[in-house]
Amino acid sequence: MDANIGINEVSLSKVTNVLGGILADEFLLYLKTRNAHWNIEGSDFHSMHKYFEGQYEQLDAIMDDVAERIRSLGHYAPATMKAYLELTHLTEQTRKKNDSGGFIKELLGDHESIIIRLRENINHLANDLKDAGTSDFITGLMETHEKIAWMLRAHLQ
């Protein structure tokens, strides 16, 4: 049964396409954060291992929320590696060492990239596609990523 929520089907499709890209970005960032958790080395291993664990747990919850938002709009969430790699604007791992500084810089860049992408879509979703709910939803995601980025940035000071 189609969602009858006051947004036409063309706009709903565009909204869920935006959300699909966000979900792909969140998944790739989740995977990269898991990689940091699993492969961190150095004298700060234990604290960073725990730190990255907290971050990937947050990202796991975000992914679930984004996928459920897509479903609540009557569409199916992308859920394959192939789809994620086609939809994401992030890149896979680029650093060579498994030290905290390298992981933090890379993850920070990805969080900031997601923040920019979310910010670029807030007004588009609300004004052009008439979906204030999804606009508000991604504003909350942006705020979460801003806080994570701030904490990552603090490690580099």
C-alpha atoms as a PDB file:
ATOM      1  CA  MET A   1       0.000   0.000   0.000  1.00  0.00           C
ATOM      2  CA  ASP A   2       1.374   3.421  -0.957  1.00  0.00           C
ATOM      3  CA  ALA A   3       2.004   6.044   1.694  1.00  0.00           C
ATOM      4  CA  ASN A   4      -0.705   8.715   1.552  1.00  0.00           C
ATOM      5  CA  ILE A   5       1.024  11.414   3.585  1.00  0.00           C
ATOM      6  CA  GLY A   6       0.561  14.584   1.551  1.00  0.00           C
ATOM      7  CA  ILE A   7       3.681  14.266  -0.609  1.00  0.00           C
ATOM      8  CA  ASN A   8       3.265  13.249  -4.232  1.00  0.00           C
ATOM      9  CA  GLU A   9       4.912  10.051  -5.465  1.00  0.00           C
ATOM     10  CA  VAL A  10       7.504  11.846  -7.605  1.00  0.00           C
ATOM     11  CA  SER A  11       8.655  13.875  -4.608  1.00  0.00           C
ATOM     12  CA  LEU A  12       8.603  10.803  -2.357  1.00  0.00           C
ATOM     13  CA  SER A  13      10.835   9.002  -4.821  1.00  0.00           C
ATOM     14  CA  LYS A  14      13.281  11.934  -4.858  1.00  0.00           C
ATOM     15  CA  VAL A  15      13.247  12.131  -1.060  1.00  0.00           C
ATOM     16  CA  THR A  16      14.004   8.443  -0.700  1.00  0.00           C
ATOM     17  CA  ASN A  17      16.786   8.732  -3.288  1.00  0.00           C
ATOM     18  CA  VAL A  18      18.391  11.423  -1.127  1.00  0.00           C
ATOM     19  CA  LEU A  19      17.924   9.226   1.935  1.00  0.00           C
ATOM     20  CA  GLY A  20      19.394   6.234   0.079  1.00  0.00           C
ATOM     21  CA  GLY A  21      22.562   8.242  -0.572  1.00  0.00           C
ATOM     22  CA  ILE A  22      22.695   9.249   3.083  1.00  0.00           C
ATOM     23  CA  LEU A  23      22.258   5.621   4.140  1.00  0.00           C
ATOM     24  CA  ALA A  24      25.093   4.591   1.834  1.00  0.00           C
ATOM     25  CA  ASP A  25      27.366   7.276   3.304  1.00  0.00           C
ATOM     26  CA  GLU A  26      26.460   6.237   6.842  1.00  0.00           C
ATOM     27  CA  PHE A  27      27.173   2.588   6.013  1.00  0.00           C
ATOM     28  CA  LEU A  28      30.567   3.303   4.510  1.00  0.00           C
ATOM     29  CA  LEU A  29      31.476   5.528   7.478  1.00  0.00           C
ATOM     30  CA  TYR A  30      30.270   2.790   9.839  1.00  0.00           C
ATOM     31  CA  LEU A  31      32.508   0.266   8.068  1.00  0.00           C
ATOM     32  CA  LYS A  32      35.500   2.600   8.201  1.00  0.00           C
ATOM     33  CA  THR A  33      34.896   3.234  11.905  1.00  0.00           C
ATOM     34  CA  ARG A  34      34.672  -0.527  12.523  1.00  0.00           C
ATOM     35  CA  ASN A  35      37.973  -0.867  10.686  1.00  0.00           C
ATOM     36  CA  ALA A  36      39.510   1.730  13.017  1.00  0.00           C
ATOM     37  CA  HIS A  37      38.122  -0.137  16.039  1.00  0.00           C
ATOM     38  CA  TRP A  38      39.456  -3.483  14.856  1.00  0.00           C
ATOM     39  CA  ASN A  39      42.829  -2.356  13.547  1.00  0.00           C
ATOM     40  CA  ILE A  40      43.984   0.525  15.742  1.00  0.00           C
ATOM     41  CA  GLU A  41      47.574   0.187  16.966  1.00  0.00           C
ATOM     42  CA  GLY A  42      49.786   2.224  19.238  1.00  0.00           C
ATOM     43  CA  SER A  43      50.203   3.249  22.838  1.00  0.00           C
ATOM     44  CA  ASP A  44      46.646   4.615  22.902  1.00  0.00           C
ATOM     45  CA  PHE A  45      45.182   1.342  21.606  1.00  0.00           C
ATOM     46  CA  HIS A  46      42.783   0.637  24.468  1.00  0.00           C
ATOM     47  CA  SER A  47      41.264   4.110  24.742  1.00  0.00           C
ATOM     48  CA  MET A  48      40.917   4.502  20.970  1.00  0.00           C
ATOM     49  CA  HIS A  49      39.541   0.976  20.569  1.00  0.00           C
ATOM     50  CA  LYS A  50      36.762   1.913  23.013  1.00  0.00           C
ATOM     51  CA  TYR A  51      36.311   5.366  21.465  1.00  0.00           C
ATOM     52  CA  PHE A  52      35.773   3.976  17.970  1.00  0.00           C
ATOM     53  CA  GLU A  53      33.390   1.372  19.393  1.00  0.00           C
ATOM     54  CA  GLY A  54      31.178   4.138  20.749  1.00  0.00           C
ATOM     55  CA  GLN A  55      31.209   5.849  17.373  1.00  0.00           C
ATOM     56  CA  TYR A  56      30.287   2.789  15.336  1.00  0.00           C
ATOM     57  CA  GLU A  57      27.458   2.063  17.766  1.00  0.00           C
ATOM     58  CA  GLN A  58      26.107   5.579  17.119  1.00  0.00           C
ATOM     59  CA  LEU A  59      26.429   5.055  13.372  1.00  0.00           C
ATOM     60  CA  ASP A  60      24.624   1.724  13.613  1.00  0.00           C
ATOM     61  CA  ALA A  61      21.652   3.477  15.217  1.00  0.00           C
ATOM     62  CA  ILE A  62      21.773   6.228  12.581  1.00  0.00           C
ATOM     63  CA  MET A  63      21.710   3.669   9.755  1.00  0.00           C
ATOM     64  CA  ASP A  64      18.674   1.995  11.272  1.00  0.00           C
ATOM     65  CA  ASP A  65      16.883   5.333  11.629  1.00  0.00           C
ATOM     66  CA  VAL A  66      17.622   6.321   8.012  1.00  0.00           C
ATOM     67  CA  ALA A  67      16.460   2.955   6.668  1.00  0.00           C
ATOM     68  CA  GLU A  68      13.287   3.145   8.758  1.00  0.00           C
ATOM     69  CA  ARG A  69      12.661   6.692   7.504  1.00  0.00           C
ATOM     70  CA  ILE A  70      12.829   5.367   3.928  1.00  0.00           C
ATOM     71  CA  ARG A  71      10.398   2.565   4.818  1.00  0.00           C
ATOM     72  CA  SER A  72       8.019   4.987   6.556  1.00  0.00           C
ATOM     73  CA  LEU A  73       7.826   6.896   3.272  1.00  0.00           C
ATOM     74  CA  GLY A  74       6.697   3.733   1.483  1.00  0.00           C
ATOM     75  CA  HIS A  75       9.949   2.813  -0.259  1.00  0.00           C
ATOM     76  CA  TYR A  76      12.556   0.101   0.249  1.00  0.00           C
ATOM     77  CA  ALA A  77      15.927   0.909   1.755  1.00  0.00           C
ATOM     78  CA  PRO A  78      19.005  -0.018  -0.266  1.00  0.00           C
ATOM     79  CA  ALA A  79      20.765  -2.852   1.514  1.00  0.00           C
ATOM     80  CA  THR A  80      23.558  -4.263  -0.626  1.00  0.00           C
ATOM     81  CA  MET A  81      27.237  -3.388  -0.879  1.00  0.00           C
ATOM     82  CA  LYS A  82      26.785  -2.807  -4.603  1.00  0.00           C
ATOM     83  CA  ALA A  83      24.014  -0.281  -3.972  1.00  0.00           C
ATOM     84  CA  TYR A  84      25.964   1.463  -1.222  1.00  0.00           C
ATOM     85  CA  LEU A  85      29.074   1.785  -3.369  1.00  0.00           C
ATOM     86  CA  GLU A  86      26.980   3.242  -6.195  1.00  0.00           C
ATOM     87  CA  LEU A  87      25.154   5.702  -3.906  1.00  0.00           C
ATOM     88  CA  THR A  88      27.900   6.910  -1.554  1.00  0.00           C
ATOM     89  CA  HIS A  89      29.985   9.978  -2.186  1.00  0.00           C
ATOM     90  CA  LEU A  90      32.636   8.839   0.297  1.00  0.00           C
ATOM     91  CA  THR A  91      35.745   6.886  -0.621  1.00  0.00           C
ATOM     92  CA  GLU A  92      37.188   3.800   0.958  1.00  0.00           C
ATOM     93  CA  GLN A  93      40.240   3.863   3.227  1.00  0.00           C
ATOM     94  CA  THR A  94      43.118   6.033   2.042  1.00  0.00           C
ATOM     95  CA  ARG A  95      45.700   6.003   4.861  1.00  0.00           C
ATOM     96  CA  LYS A  96      48.554   3.559   5.255  1.00  0.00           C
ATOM     97  CA  LYS A  97      49.200   3.357   9.037  1.00  0.00           C
ATOM     98  CA  ASN A  98      46.826   2.083  11.700  1.00  0.00           C
ATOM     99  CA  ASP A  99      47.546   4.871  14.168  1.00  0.00           C
ATOM    100  CA  SER A 100      44.920   6.971  15.894  1.00  0.00           C
ATOM    101  CA  GLY A 101      45.946  10.195  14.157  1.00  0.00           C
ATOM    102  CA  GLY A 102      45.471   8.676  10.702  1.00  0.00           C
ATOM    103  CA  PHE A 103      42.146   7.091  11.549  1.00  0.00           C
ATOM    104  CA  ILE A 104      40.863  10.261  13.214  1.00  0.00           C
ATOM    105  CA  LYS A 105      41.824  12.517  10.283  1.00  0.00           C
ATOM    106  CA  GLU A 106      40.158  10.201   7.785  1.00  0.00           C
ATOM    107  CA  LEU A 107      36.971   9.746   9.820  1.00  0.00           C
ATOM    108  CA  LEU A 108      36.802  13.477  10.547  1.00  0.00           C
ATOM    109  CA  GLY A 109      36.964  14.233   6.824  1.00  0.00           C
ATOM    110  CA  ASP A 110      34.106  11.804   6.205  1.00  0.00           C
ATOM    111  CA  HIS A 111      31.943  13.254   8.978  1.00  0.00           C
ATOM    112  CA  GLU A 112      32.526  16.755   7.631  1.00  0.00           C
ATOM    113  CA  SER A 113      31.664  15.588   4.114  1.00  0.00           C
ATOM    114  CA  ILE A 114      28.406  14.082   5.391  1.00  0.00           C
ATOM    115  CA  ILE A 115      27.627  17.302   7.295  1.00  0.00           C
ATOM    116  CA  ILE A 116      27.986  19.310   4.092  1.00  0.00           C
ATOM    117  CA  ARG A 117      25.815  16.869   2.133  1.00  0.00           C
ATOM    118  CA  LEU A 118      23.108  16.935   4.807  1.00  0.00           C
ATOM    119  CA  ARG A 119      23.209  20.735   4.999  1.00  0.00           C
ATOM    120  CA  GLU A 120      22.865  20.988   1.206  1.00  0.00           C
ATOM    121  CA  ASN A 121      19.669  18.895   1.322  1.00  0.00           C
ATOM    122  CA  ILE A 122      17.808  20.451   4.262  1.00  0.00           C
ATOM    123  CA  ASN A 123      16.093  23.239   2.311  1.00  0.00           C
ATOM    124  CA  HIS A 124      15.741  21.138  -0.842  1.00  0.00           C
ATOM    125  CA  LEU A 125      13.737  18.531   1.060  1.00  0.00           C
ATOM    126  CA  ALA A 126      11.567  21.074   2.882  1.00  0.00           C
ATOM    127  CA  ASN A 127      10.981  23.600   0.124  1.00  0.00           C
ATOM    128  CA  ASP A 128      11.294  21.798  -3.204  1.00  0.00           C
ATOM    129  CA  LEU A 129      10.045  18.352  -2.229  1.00  0.00           C
ATOM    130  CA  LYS A 130       7.572  19.510   0.475  1.00  0.00           C
ATOM    131  CA  ASP A 131       8.900  17.084   3.108  1.00  0.00           C
ATOM    132  CA  ALA A 132       9.511  19.072   6.274  1.00  0.00           C
ATOM    133  CA  GLY A 133       9.655  15.842   8.280  1.00  0.00           C
ATOM    134  CA  THR A 134      12.644  14.459   6.397  1.00  0.00           C
ATOM    135  CA  SER A 135      14.242  17.905   6.395  1.00  0.00           C
ATOM    136  CA  ASP A 136      13.937  17.981  10.182  1.00  0.00           C
ATOM    137  CA  PHE A 137      15.188  14.390  10.398  1.00  0.00           C
ATOM    138  CA  ILE A 138      18.388  15.126   8.469  1.00  0.00           C
ATOM    139  CA  THR A 139      18.902  18.320  10.476  1.00  0.00           C
ATOM    140  CA  GLY A 140      19.105  16.069  13.534  1.00  0.00           C
ATOM    141  CA  LEU A 141      21.560  13.791  11.738  1.00  0.00           C
ATOM    142  CA  MET A 142      23.666  16.804  10.831  1.00  0.00           C
ATOM    143  CA  GLU A 143      23.783  17.898  14.470  1.00  0.00           C
ATOM    144  CA  THR A 144      24.889  14.409  15.531  1.00  0.00           C
ATOM    145  CA  HIS A 145      27.683  14.398  12.946  1.00  0.00           C
ATOM    146  CA  GLU A 146      28.721  17.907  13.980  1.00  0.00           C
ATOM    147  CA  LYS A 147      29.161  16.711  17.572  1.00  0.00           C
ATOM    148  CA  ILE A 148      31.139  13.644  16.518  1.00  0.00           C
ATOM    149  CA  ALA A 149      33.314  15.813  14.242  1.00  0.00           C
ATOM    150  CA  TRP A 150      33.967  18.224  17.107  1.00  0.00           C
ATOM    151  CA  MET A 151      35.109  15.343  19.320  1.00  0.00           C
ATOM    152  CA  LEU A 152      37.363  13.943  16.594  1.00  0.00           C
ATOM    153  CA  ARG A 153      38.795  17.418  15.954  1.00  0.00           C
ATOM    154  CA  ALA A 154      39.562  17.783  19.673  1.00  0.00           C
ATOM    155  CA  HIS A 155      41.829  14.718  19.475  1.00  0.00           C
ATOM    156  CA  LEU A 156      43.938  16.468  16.859  1.00  0.00           C
ATOM    157  CA  GLN A 157      44.546  19.650  18.914  1.00  0.00           C
END
